[in-house]
C-alpha atoms as a PDB file:
ATOM      1  CA  UNK A   1     124.076 139.643  80.829  1.00  0.00           C
ATOM      2  CA  UNK A   2     125.577 136.382  79.403  1.00  0.00           C
ATOM      3  CA  UNK A   3     124.271 134.954  76.201  1.00  0.00           C
ATOM      4  CA  UNK A   4     124.724 131.502  77.486  1.00  0.00           C
ATOM      5  CA  UNK A   5     121.788 130.152  79.299  1.00  0.00           C
ATOM      6  CA  UNK A   6     122.173 129.428  82.860  1.00  0.00           C
ATOM      7  CA  UNK A   7     119.333 126.836  82.758  1.00  0.00           C
ATOM      8  CA  UNK A   8     118.172 124.760  79.950  1.00  0.00           C
ATOM      9  CA  UNK A   9     114.999 122.580  80.340  1.00  0.00           C
ATOM     10  CA  UNK A  10     114.449 120.232  77.452  1.00  0.00           C
ATOM     11  CA  UNK A  11     111.142 118.226  77.023  1.00  0.00           C
ATOM     12  CA  UNK A  12     110.713 117.303  80.630  1.00  0.00           C
ATOM     13  CA  UNK A  13     107.879 115.174  81.794  1.00  0.00           C
ATOM     14  CA  UNK A  14     106.647 113.861  85.038  1.00  0.00           C
ATOM     15  CA  UNK A  15     104.098 111.118  85.646  1.00  0.00           C
ATOM     16  CA  UNK A  16     102.974 109.646  89.015  1.00  0.00           C
ATOM     17  CA  UNK A  17     101.442 106.248  89.511  1.00  0.00           C
ATOM     18  CA  UNK A  18      98.536 106.486  91.912  1.00  0.00           C
ATOM     19  CA  UNK A  19      96.533 103.438  92.656  1.00  0.00           C
ATOM     20  CA  UNK A  20      97.358 101.768  89.412  1.00  0.00           C
ATOM     21  CA  UNK A  21      96.450 104.938  87.468  1.00  0.00           C
ATOM     22  CA  UNK A  22      98.963 107.288  85.633  1.00  0.00           C
ATOM     23  CA  UNK A  23      98.635 111.022  86.604  1.00  0.00           C
ATOM     24  CA  UNK A  24     100.172 113.362  83.951  1.00  0.00           C
ATOM     25  CA  UNK A  25     101.531 116.070  85.983  1.00  0.00           C
ATOM     26  CA  UNK A  26     104.011 117.716  83.374  1.00  0.00           C
ATOM     27  CA  UNK A  27     104.292 116.782  79.688  1.00  0.00           C
ATOM     28  CA  UNK A  28     107.283 117.772  77.370  1.00  0.00           C
ATOM     29  CA  UNK A  29     108.041 121.230  78.787  1.00  0.00           C
ATOM     30  CA  UNK A  30     111.120 123.236  77.567  1.00  0.00           C
ATOM     31  CA  UNK A  31     112.504 126.566  78.150  1.00  0.00           C
ATOM     32  CA  UNK A  32     115.780 128.558  78.771  1.00  0.00           C
ATOM     33  CA  UNK A  33     116.633 130.904  81.463  1.00  0.00           C
ATOM     34  CA  UNK A  34     119.577 133.301  81.697  1.00  0.00           C
ATOM     35  CA  UNK A  35     121.233 135.017  84.715  1.00  0.00           C
ATOM     36  CA  UNK A  36     119.385 137.938  85.981  1.00  0.00           C
ATOM     37  CA  UNK A  37     116.196 137.010  84.235  1.00  0.00           C
ATOM     38  CA  UNK A  38     112.795 135.950  85.735  1.00  0.00           C
ATOM     39  CA  UNK A  39     110.434 133.224  84.237  1.00  0.00           C
ATOM     40  CA  UNK A  40     106.912 133.541  85.442  1.00  0.00           C
ATOM     41  CA  UNK A  41     104.866 130.210  85.708  1.00  0.00           C
ATOM     42  CA  UNK A  42     101.089 130.700  85.794  1.00  0.00           C
ATOM     43  CA  UNK A  43      98.091 128.371  85.618  1.00  0.00           C
ATOM     44  CA  UNK A  44      95.417 126.996  87.886  1.00  0.00           C
ATOM     45  CA  UNK A  45      96.020 124.752  90.812  1.00  0.00           C
ATOM     46  CA  UNK A  46      96.940 121.315  89.394  1.00  0.00           C
ATOM     47  CA  UNK A  47      98.384 122.675  86.331  1.00  0.00           C
ATOM     48  CA  UNK A  48     101.950 121.329  87.137  1.00  0.00           C
ATOM     49  CA  UNK A  49     103.762 124.546  88.143  1.00  0.00           C
ATOM     50  CA  UNK A  50     105.259 123.398  91.468  1.00  0.00           C
ATOM     51  CA  UNK A  51     105.994 119.856  89.945  1.00  0.00           C
ATOM     52  CA  UNK A  52     108.110 121.625  87.215  1.00  0.00           C
ATOM     53  CA  UNK A  53     109.816 123.915  89.669  1.00  0.00           C
ATOM     54  CA  UNK A  54     110.998 120.787  91.735  1.00  0.00           C
ATOM     55  CA  UNK A  55     112.170 118.984  88.659  1.00  0.00           C
ATOM     56  CA  UNK A  56     114.308 121.902  87.767  1.00  0.00           C
ATOM     57  CA  UNK A  57     116.059 121.596  91.167  1.00  0.00           C
ATOM     58  CA  UNK A  58     116.114 117.711  90.914  1.00  0.00           C
ATOM     59  CA  UNK A  59     113.975 117.365  94.051  1.00  0.00           C
ATOM     60  CA  UNK A  60     111.717 115.284  91.698  1.00  0.00           C
ATOM     61  CA  UNK A  61     113.286 112.915  89.048  1.00  0.00           C
ATOM     62  CA  UNK A  62     112.069 113.503  85.310  1.00  0.00           C
ATOM     63  CA  UNK A  63     110.432 110.705  83.452  1.00  0.00           C
ATOM     64  CA  UNK A  64     111.594 112.099  80.270  1.00  0.00           C
ATOM     65  CA  UNK A  65     113.786 115.062  79.092  1.00  0.00           C
ATOM     66  CA  UNK A  66     116.728 116.687  80.815  1.00  0.00           C
ATOM     67  CA  UNK A  67     117.653 119.626  83.036  1.00  0.00           C
ATOM     68  CA  UNK A  68     120.893 121.263  82.248  1.00  0.00           C
ATOM     69  CA  UNK A  69     122.169 123.807  84.822  1.00  0.00           C
ATOM     70  CA  UNK A  70     125.462 125.678  84.186  1.00  0.00           C
ATOM     71  CA  UNK A  71     126.304 123.147  81.303  1.00  0.00           C
ATOM     72  CA  UNK A  72     125.903 120.094  83.450  1.00  0.00           C
ATOM     73  CA  UNK A  73     123.097 117.455  82.886  1.00  0.00           C
ATOM     74  CA  UNK A  74     121.655 117.200  86.580  1.00  0.00           C
ATOM     75  CA  UNK A  75     120.341 113.628  85.939  1.00  0.00           C
ATOM     76  CA  UNK A  76     124.048 112.566  85.395  1.00  0.00           C
ATOM     77  CA  UNK A  77     125.364 114.000  88.645  1.00  0.00           C
ATOM     78  CA  UNK A  78     125.959 111.650  91.763  1.00  0.00           C
ATOM     79  CA  UNK A  79     124.495 112.501  95.114  1.00  0.00           C
ATOM     80  CA  UNK A  80     127.837 114.106  96.229  1.00  0.00           C
ATOM     81  CA  UNK A  81     127.863 116.149  92.890  1.00  0.00           C
ATOM     82  CA  UNK A  82     124.329 117.270  93.138  1.00  0.00           C
ATOM     83  CA  UNK A  83     124.979 118.572  96.700  1.00  0.00           C
ATOM     84  CA  UNK A  84     127.634 120.777  95.475  1.00  0.00           C
ATOM     85  CA  UNK A  85     125.506 122.007  92.562  1.00  0.00           C
ATOM     86  CA  UNK A  86     122.631 122.806  94.965  1.00  0.00           C
ATOM     87  CA  UNK A  87     124.819 125.646  96.440  1.00  0.00           C
ATOM     88  CA  UNK A  88     123.682 127.535  93.283  1.00  0.00           C
ATOM     89  CA  UNK A  89     120.054 126.259  93.142  1.00  0.00           C
ATOM     90  CA  UNK A  90     117.677 127.204  95.988  1.00  0.00           C
ATOM     91  CA  UNK A  91     113.875 127.406  96.618  1.00  0.00           C
ATOM     92  CA  UNK A  92     111.618 129.669  98.463  1.00  0.00           C
ATOM     93  CA  UNK A  93     108.439 127.911  99.718  1.00  0.00           C
ATOM     94  CA  UNK A  94     104.896 129.206  99.962  1.00  0.00           C
ATOM     95  CA  UNK A  95     104.633 128.276 103.583  1.00  0.00           C
ATOM     96  CA  UNK A  96     107.750 129.265 105.271  1.00  0.00           C
ATOM     97  CA  UNK A  97     106.879 128.181 108.707  1.00  0.00           C
ATOM     98  CA  UNK A  98     106.332 124.659 107.279  1.00  0.00           C
ATOM     99  CA  UNK A  99     109.932 124.686 105.860  1.00  0.00           C
ATOM    100  CA  UNK A 100     111.644 125.914 108.902  1.00  0.00           C
ATOM    101  CA  UNK A 101     112.372 123.864 111.997  1.00  0.00           C
ATOM    102  CA  UNK A 102     110.511 124.781 115.120  1.00  0.00           C
ATOM    103  CA  UNK A 103     113.533 123.551 117.128  1.00  0.00           C
ATOM    104  CA  UNK A 104     116.088 125.604 115.531  1.00  0.00           C
ATOM    105  CA  UNK A 105     116.584 129.575 115.899  1.00  0.00           C
ATOM    106  CA  UNK A 106     116.505 131.612 112.801  1.00  0.00           C
ATOM    107  CA  UNK A 107     120.210 132.217 112.973  1.00  0.00           C
ATOM    108  CA  UNK A 108     120.885 128.439 113.406  1.00  0.00           C
ATOM    109  CA  UNK A 109     118.432 127.544 110.471  1.00  0.00           C
ATOM    110  CA  UNK A 110     120.379 129.864 108.218  1.00  0.00           C
ATOM    111  CA  UNK A 111     123.756 128.707 109.398  1.00  0.00           C
ATOM    112  CA  UNK A 112     122.670 125.167 108.959  1.00  0.00           C
ATOM    113  CA  UNK A 113     122.673 125.722 105.127  1.00  0.00           C
ATOM    114  CA  UNK A 114     126.135 126.891 105.254  1.00  0.00           C
ATOM    115  CA  UNK A 115     127.560 123.933 107.426  1.00  0.00           C
ATOM    116  CA  UNK A 116     125.897 121.498 105.060  1.00  0.00           C
ATOM    117  CA  UNK A 117     127.523 123.014 102.085  1.00  0.00           C
ATOM    118  CA  UNK A 118     130.803 123.601 104.145  1.00  0.00           C
ATOM    119  CA  UNK A 119     131.062 127.226 103.185  1.00  0.00           C
ATOM    120  CA  UNK A 120     131.364 130.336 105.403  1.00  0.00           C
ATOM    121  CA  UNK A 121     134.635 129.559 107.179  1.00  0.00           C
ATOM    122  CA  UNK A 122     134.750 129.378 111.076  1.00  0.00           C
ATOM    123  CA  UNK A 123     131.760 129.532 113.391  1.00  0.00           C
ATOM    124  CA  UNK A 124     132.541 133.137 113.963  1.00  0.00           C
ATOM    125  CA  UNK A 125     132.692 133.997 110.284  1.00  0.00           C
ATOM    126  CA  UNK A 126     129.485 131.975 109.697  1.00  0.00           C
ATOM    127  CA  UNK A 127     127.613 134.047 112.368  1.00  0.00           C
ATOM    128  CA  UNK A 128     128.798 137.236 110.762  1.00  0.00           C
ATOM    129  CA  UNK A 129     127.538 136.048 107.408  1.00  0.00           C
ATOM    130  CA  UNK A 130     124.066 135.236 109.151  1.00  0.00           C
ATOM    131  CA  UNK A 131     123.827 138.749 110.551  1.00  0.00           C
ATOM    132  CA  UNK A 132     124.734 140.205 107.087  1.00  0.00           C
ATOM    133  CA  UNK A 133     122.023 138.198 105.201  1.00  0.00           C
ATOM    134  CA  UNK A 134     119.412 139.035 107.925  1.00  0.00           C
ATOM    135  CA  UNK A 135     120.226 142.748 107.473  1.00  0.00           C
ATOM    136  CA  UNK A 136     119.954 142.344 103.779  1.00  0.00           C
ATOM    137  CA  UNK A 137     116.418 140.947 103.877  1.00  0.00           C
ATOM    138  CA  UNK A 138     115.303 143.837 106.372  1.00  0.00           C
ATOM    139  CA  UNK A 139     115.251 141.706 109.551  1.00  0.00           C
ATOM    140  CA  UNK A 140     116.877 142.995 112.841  1.00  0.00           C
ATOM    141  CA  UNK A 141     119.666 141.071 114.304  1.00  0.00           C
ATOM    142  CA  UNK A 142     117.585 140.102 117.222  1.00  0.00           C
ATOM    143  CA  UNK A 143     115.422 138.080 114.874  1.00  0.00           C
ATOM    144  CA  UNK A 144     118.324 135.484 114.518  1.00  0.00           C
ATOM    145  CA  UNK A 145     117.689 134.540 118.305  1.00  0.00           C
ATOM    146  CA  UNK A 146     113.910 134.025 117.725  1.00  0.00           C
ATOM    147  CA  UNK A 147     112.225 130.837 116.775  1.00  0.00           C
ATOM    148  CA  UNK A 148     110.143 130.787 113.478  1.00  0.00           C
ATOM    149  CA  UNK A 149     106.777 130.598 115.323  1.00  0.00           C
ATOM    150  CA  UNK A 150     107.612 133.742 117.245  1.00  0.00           C
ATOM    151  CA  UNK A 151     107.744 135.901 113.948  1.00  0.00           C
ATOM    152  CA  UNK A 152     105.009 137.302 111.693  1.00  0.00           C
ATOM    153  CA  UNK A 153     104.227 135.714 108.438  1.00  0.00           C
ATOM    154  CA  UNK A 154     106.172 138.474 106.522  1.00  0.00           C
ATOM    155  CA  UNK A 155     109.190 137.963 108.792  1.00  0.00           C
ATOM    156  CA  UNK A 156     109.155 134.213 108.342  1.00  0.00           C
ATOM    157  CA  UNK A 157     109.105 134.620 104.622  1.00  0.00           C
ATOM    158  CA  UNK A 158     112.031 137.005 104.943  1.00  0.00           C
ATOM    159  CA  UNK A 159     113.815 134.134 106.879  1.00  0.00           C
ATOM    160  CA  UNK A 160     113.142 131.772 104.005  1.00  0.00           C
ATOM    161  CA  UNK A 161     114.571 134.190 101.522  1.00  0.00           C
ATOM    162  CA  UNK A 162     117.447 134.760 103.960  1.00  0.00           C
ATOM    163  CA  UNK A 163     118.236 131.052 104.180  1.00  0.00           C
ATOM    164  CA  UNK A 164     118.020 130.754 100.238  1.00  0.00           C
ATOM    165  CA  UNK A 165     120.410 133.710  99.919  1.00  0.00           C
ATOM    166  CA  UNK A 166     122.976 132.652 102.473  1.00  0.00           C
ATOM    167  CA  UNK A 167     124.621 130.491  99.798  1.00  0.00           C
ATOM    168  CA  UNK A 168     124.615 133.144  97.195  1.00  0.00           C
ATOM    169  CA  UNK A 169     122.639 131.035  94.576  1.00  0.00           C
ATOM    170  CA  UNK A 170     122.473 131.717  90.923  1.00  0.00           C
ATOM    171  CA  UNK A 171     118.996 130.366  90.570  1.00  0.00           C
ATOM    172  CA  UNK A 172     116.017 130.540  92.929  1.00  0.00           C
ATOM    173  CA  UNK A 173     112.723 128.905  92.457  1.00  0.00           C
ATOM    174  CA  UNK A 174     109.980 131.045  94.033  1.00  0.00           C
ATOM    175  CA  UNK A 175     107.042 128.692  94.817  1.00  0.00           C
ATOM    176  CA  UNK A 176     104.019 130.883  95.604  1.00  0.00           C
ATOM    177  CA  UNK A 177     106.285 132.959  97.985  1.00  0.00           C
ATOM    178  CA  UNK A 178     103.703 135.691  98.521  1.00  0.00           C
ATOM    179  CA  UNK A 179     100.276 134.072  98.339  1.00  0.00           C
ATOM    180  CA  UNK A 180      99.830 133.641 102.210  1.00  0.00           C
ATOM    181  CA  UNK A 181     100.872 137.179 102.962  1.00  0.00           C
ATOM    182  CA  UNK A 182      98.941 140.242 103.496  1.00  0.00           C
ATOM    183  CA  UNK A 183      98.855 142.786 100.609  1.00  0.00           C
ATOM    184  CA  UNK A 184     101.193 145.367 102.300  1.00  0.00           C
ATOM    185  CA  UNK A 185     103.669 142.622 103.093  1.00  0.00           C
ATOM    186  CA  UNK A 186     103.557 141.196  99.492  1.00  0.00           C
ATOM    187  CA  UNK A 187     104.619 144.512  98.170  1.00  0.00           C
ATOM    188  CA  UNK A 188     107.703 144.475 100.559  1.00  0.00           C
ATOM    189  CA  UNK A 189     108.730 140.953  99.702  1.00  0.00           C
ATOM    190  CA  UNK A 190     108.259 141.800  95.853  1.00  0.00           C
ATOM    191  CA  UNK A 191     110.561 144.740  96.277  1.00  0.00           C
ATOM    192  CA  UNK A 192     113.064 142.878  98.346  1.00  0.00           C
ATOM    193  CA  UNK A 193     113.321 140.166  95.531  1.00  0.00           C
ATOM    194  CA  UNK A 194     113.749 142.695  92.830  1.00  0.00           C
ATOM    195  CA  UNK A 195     116.417 144.361  94.808  1.00  0.00           C
ATOM    196  CA  UNK A 196     118.261 141.183  95.451  1.00  0.00           C
ATOM    197  CA  UNK A 197     118.050 140.134  91.857  1.00  0.00           C
ATOM    198  CA  UNK A 198     119.653 143.304  90.708  1.00  0.00           C
ATOM    199  CA  UNK A 199     122.226 143.087  93.252  1.00  0.00           C
ATOM    200  CA  UNK A 200     123.144 139.576  92.803  1.00  0.00           C
ATOM    201  CA  UNK A 201     122.131 138.830  89.185  1.00  0.00           C
ATOM    202  CA  UNK A 202     120.224 135.795  90.239  1.00  0.00           C
ATOM    203  CA  UNK A 203     117.669 134.108  88.051  1.00  0.00           C
ATOM    204  CA  UNK A 204     114.158 133.414  89.408  1.00  0.00           C
ATOM    205  CA  UNK A 205     111.475 130.892  88.458  1.00  0.00           C
ATOM    206  CA  UNK A 206     108.533 132.708  89.906  1.00  0.00           C
ATOM    207  CA  UNK A 207     105.477 130.548  90.510  1.00  0.00           C
ATOM    208  CA  UNK A 208     102.257 132.336  91.298  1.00  0.00           C
ATOM    209  CA  UNK A 209      98.506 132.523  90.799  1.00  0.00           C
ATOM    210  CA  UNK A 210      98.911 136.347  91.073  1.00  0.00           C
ATOM    211  CA  UNK A 211      98.978 137.534  87.318  1.00  0.00           C
ATOM    212  CA  UNK A 212      99.553 140.986  88.356  1.00  0.00           C
ATOM    213  CA  UNK A 213     102.676 140.308  90.198  1.00  0.00           C
ATOM    214  CA  UNK A 214     103.853 137.841  87.523  1.00  0.00           C
ATOM    215  CA  UNK A 215     103.355 140.512  84.890  1.00  0.00           C
ATOM    216  CA  UNK A 216     105.402 143.157  87.141  1.00  0.00           C
ATOM    217  CA  UNK A 217     108.305 140.770  87.981  1.00  0.00           C
ATOM    218  CA  UNK A 218     108.743 138.593  84.932  1.00  0.00           C
ATOM    219  CA  UNK A 219     110.818 138.890  81.696  1.00  0.00           C
ATOM    220  CA  UNK A 220     109.016 135.978  80.155  1.00  0.00           C
ATOM    221  CA  UNK A 221     105.828 134.053  81.157  1.00  0.00           C
ATOM    222  CA  UNK A 222     104.841 130.479  80.494  1.00  0.00           C
ATOM    223  CA  UNK A 223     101.118 129.502  80.915  1.00  0.00           C
ATOM    224  CA  UNK A 224     100.632 125.749  81.944  1.00  0.00           C
ATOM    225  CA  UNK A 225      97.402 123.891  81.663  1.00  0.00           C
ATOM    226  CA  UNK A 226      97.162 120.243  82.585  1.00  0.00           C
ATOM    227  CA  UNK A 227     100.942 120.055  82.698  1.00  0.00           C
ATOM    228  CA  UNK A 228     101.366 121.442  79.202  1.00  0.00           C
ATOM    229  CA  UNK A 229     102.657 124.775  77.898  1.00  0.00           C
ATOM    230  CA  UNK A 230      99.824 126.355  76.120  1.00  0.00           C
ATOM    231  CA  UNK A 231     101.536 129.904  75.700  1.00  0.00           C
ATOM    232  CA  UNK A 232     104.892 131.434  76.296  1.00  0.00           C
ATOM    233  CA  UNK A 233     106.039 134.955  75.471  1.00  0.00           C
ATOM    234  CA  UNK A 234     107.648 138.067  76.857  1.00  0.00           C
ATOM    235  CA  UNK A 235     105.458 139.311  79.799  1.00  0.00           C
ATOM    236  CA  UNK A 236     104.411 142.544  78.138  1.00  0.00           C
ATOM    237  CA  UNK A 237     103.551 140.987  74.817  1.00  0.00           C
ATOM    238  CA  UNK A 238     101.705 138.078  76.447  1.00  0.00           C
ATOM    239  CA  UNK A 239      99.504 140.302  78.680  1.00  0.00           C
ATOM    240  CA  UNK A 240      98.879 142.744  75.866  1.00  0.00           C
ATOM    241  CA  UNK A 241      97.935 140.290  73.200  1.00  0.00           C
ATOM    242  CA  UNK A 242      97.367 136.836  74.514  1.00  0.00           C
ATOM    243  CA  UNK A 243      96.963 134.207  71.784  1.00  0.00           C
ATOM    244  CA  UNK A 244      95.541 131.286  73.562  1.00  0.00           C
ATOM    245  CA  UNK A 245      91.762 131.319  74.965  1.00  0.00           C
ATOM    246  CA  UNK A 246      92.964 130.038  78.355  1.00  0.00           C
ATOM    247  CA  UNK A 247      95.531 132.806  78.826  1.00  0.00           C
ATOM    248  CA  UNK A 248      92.670 135.383  77.835  1.00  0.00           C
ATOM    249  CA  UNK A 249      90.440 133.610  80.316  1.00  0.00           C
ATOM    250  CA  UNK A 250      93.009 133.914  83.007  1.00  0.00           C
ATOM    251  CA  UNK A 251      93.618 137.492  82.327  1.00  0.00           C
ATOM    252  CA  UNK A 252      90.002 138.401  82.157  1.00  0.00           C
ATOM    253  CA  UNK A 253      89.472 136.844  85.729  1.00  0.00           C
ATOM    254  CA  UNK A 254      91.788 139.435  87.198  1.00  0.00           C
ATOM    255  CA  UNK A 255      90.154 142.154  89.186  1.00  0.00           C
ATOM    256  CA  UNK A 256      91.400 145.559  87.808  1.00  0.00           C
ATOM    257  CA  UNK A 257      90.712 149.042  88.984  1.00  0.00           C
ATOM    258  CA  UNK A 258      89.977 151.100  85.886  1.00  0.00           C
ATOM    259  CA  UNK A 259      91.729 154.359  85.325  1.00  0.00           C
ATOM    260  CA  UNK A 260      88.875 155.825  83.420  1.00  0.00           C
ATOM    261  CA  UNK A 261      85.225 154.821  82.864  1.00  0.00           C
ATOM    262  CA  UNK A 262      86.228 153.774  79.239  1.00  0.00           C
ATOM    263  CA  UNK A 263      88.578 151.049  80.829  1.00  0.00           C
ATOM    264  CA  UNK A 264      85.685 149.467  82.665  1.00  0.00           C
ATOM    265  CA  UNK A 265      84.983 145.814  81.760  1.00  0.00           C
ATOM    266  CA  UNK A 266      83.068 143.048  83.418  1.00  0.00           C
ATOM    267  CA  UNK A 267      85.021 140.439  85.502  1.00  0.00           C
ATOM    268  CA  UNK A 268      84.799 137.122  83.793  1.00  0.00           C
ATOM    269  CA  UNK A 269      85.236 133.887  85.848  1.00  0.00           C
ATOM    270  CA  UNK A 270      87.027 131.038  84.355  1.00  0.00           C
ATOM    271  CA  UNK A 271      84.435 128.713  82.620  1.00  0.00           C
ATOM    272  CA  UNK A 272      84.057 125.104  83.804  1.00  0.00           C
ATOM    273  CA  UNK A 273      86.560 123.175  85.728  1.00  0.00           C
ATOM    274  CA  UNK A 274      90.011 121.673  84.728  1.00  0.00           C
ATOM    275  CA  UNK A 275      89.725 118.072  83.645  1.00  0.00           C
ATOM    276  CA  UNK A 276      91.282 115.300  85.612  1.00  0.00           C
ATOM    277  CA  UNK A 277      95.099 114.837  84.994  1.00  0.00           C
ATOM    278  CA  UNK A 278      94.333 111.018  85.156  1.00  0.00           C
ATOM    279  CA  UNK A 279      92.345 111.210  81.806  1.00  0.00           C
ATOM    280  CA  UNK A 280      93.230 114.204  79.830  1.00  0.00           C
ATOM    281  CA  UNK A 281      90.730 115.123  77.021  1.00  0.00           C
ATOM    282  CA  UNK A 282      91.570 114.102  73.468  1.00  0.00           C
ATOM    283  CA  UNK A 283      92.584 116.845  71.043  1.00  0.00           C
ATOM    284  CA  UNK A 284      93.298 120.233  72.665  1.00  0.00           C
ATOM    285  CA  UNK A 285      93.381 119.730  76.451  1.00  0.00           C
ATOM    286  CA  UNK A 286      91.347 123.027  76.925  1.00  0.00           C
ATOM    287  CA  UNK A 287      88.569 122.307  74.527  1.00  0.00           C
ATOM    288  CA  UNK A 288      85.876 121.224  76.998  1.00  0.00           C
ATOM    289  CA  UNK A 289      86.078 124.729  78.466  1.00  0.00           C
ATOM    290  CA  UNK A 290      86.773 126.745  75.363  1.00  0.00           C
ATOM    291  CA  UNK A 291      83.915 128.698  73.733  1.00  0.00           C
ATOM    292  CA  UNK A 292      85.764 128.811  70.368  1.00  0.00           C
ATOM    293  CA  UNK A 293      86.453 125.038  70.249  1.00  0.00           C
ATOM    294  CA  UNK A 294      85.604 123.239  66.926  1.00  0.00           C
ATOM    295  CA  UNK A 295      85.703 119.625  65.876  1.00  0.00           C
ATOM    296  CA  UNK A 296      89.200 120.029  64.954  1.00  0.00           C
ATOM    297  CA  UNK A 297      90.021 121.081  68.680  1.00  0.00           C
ATOM    298  CA  UNK A 298      88.242 117.987  69.974  1.00  0.00           C
ATOM    299  CA  UNK A 299      90.217 115.438  67.755  1.00  0.00           C
ATOM    300  CA  UNK A 300      93.485 117.021  66.893  1.00  0.00           C
ATOM    301  CA  UNK A 301      95.950 118.103  69.506  1.00  0.00           C
ATOM    302  CA  UNK A 302      97.448 121.525  68.568  1.00  0.00           C
ATOM    303  CA  UNK A 303     101.354 121.716  68.660  1.00  0.00           C
ATOM    304  CA  UNK A 304     103.166 124.570  70.465  1.00  0.00           C
ATOM    305  CA  UNK A 305     104.272 126.755  67.644  1.00  0.00           C
ATOM    306  CA  UNK A 306     105.470 130.370  66.966  1.00  0.00           C
ATOM    307  CA  UNK A 307     102.652 132.572  66.230  1.00  0.00           C
ATOM    308  CA  UNK A 308     104.740 135.810  66.116  1.00  0.00           C
ATOM    309  CA  UNK A 309     108.366 136.840  67.176  1.00  0.00           C
ATOM    310  CA  UNK A 310     109.181 134.900  70.343  1.00  0.00           C
ATOM    311  CA  UNK A 311     105.657 134.118  71.032  1.00  0.00           C
ATOM    312  CA  UNK A 312     104.438 130.536  71.173  1.00  0.00           C
ATOM    313  CA  UNK A 313     100.987 129.236  71.555  1.00  0.00           C
ATOM    314  CA  UNK A 314      99.246 125.769  71.363  1.00  0.00           C
ATOM    315  CA  UNK A 315      96.061 126.685  69.655  1.00  0.00           C
ATOM    316  CA  UNK A 316      94.730 125.929  66.154  1.00  0.00           C
ATOM    317  CA  UNK A 317      93.301 129.386  65.980  1.00  0.00           C
ATOM    318  CA  UNK A 318      96.127 131.450  67.630  1.00  0.00           C
ATOM    319  CA  UNK A 319      96.289 133.915  64.712  1.00  0.00           C
END
């Protein structure tokens, strides 16, 4: 594994103007990702996970900060240069049916990406590549002649993965890729993503509400709240010893089957509701929902700081 980061995200922010008001979607987020690694992004709906993923791919422009991929600042690339760069940057959407054209067969949809990027050789060579990628994601060759709506949800998601893989990318943003699938199909897709990552040394940004899957797949986990990073650490370290009250609340809200009676613990729902991103609270953004909040939390915003080796948290009382 190379020591050089494949992806560097440096202090990126995104704000939207909605009816004269400013919505704070992502605020000053930074991280690095190397080839073959997986970064898990977790947080409630509206925390900025998908917005961040789209900024990484420059599907959304940043208001502040920069995204450096393979040593290139994406904001400085022309549309033509960006199209070339997109060969190495792909996305798998939550709803594969919505991201696939109902007028194109599966094979045509996968080949279309190759045509746009001008790779794959002749039409015959491209069709051979389509057959190979369908086989790689566990679909029969006959699926190539089907239309997306004729396939099951799991098959549709495999098509989405196949289309992303057709260009042999180095980075894939997986935006809730399993949330709409049955549990048995989720397991198959997770195994497929793991196998492909080992085979092709791809880097993943894995966005999900499913903390169990994030823990299983990720090397590093980043917790977002109101568009800001409140905790970041190696996956095992974060789940075993979370430092931020919000992270602990997320973990405690997971339903787990205890191995022994001693492991039993009550399921604790997340308290309160996330504040409006139009008007974030003063001080710590989590303080209105935090049972440990003090006057300092209400007035002074905690900085994201190192609380132990390779473990960051934005909490006055992380230690």
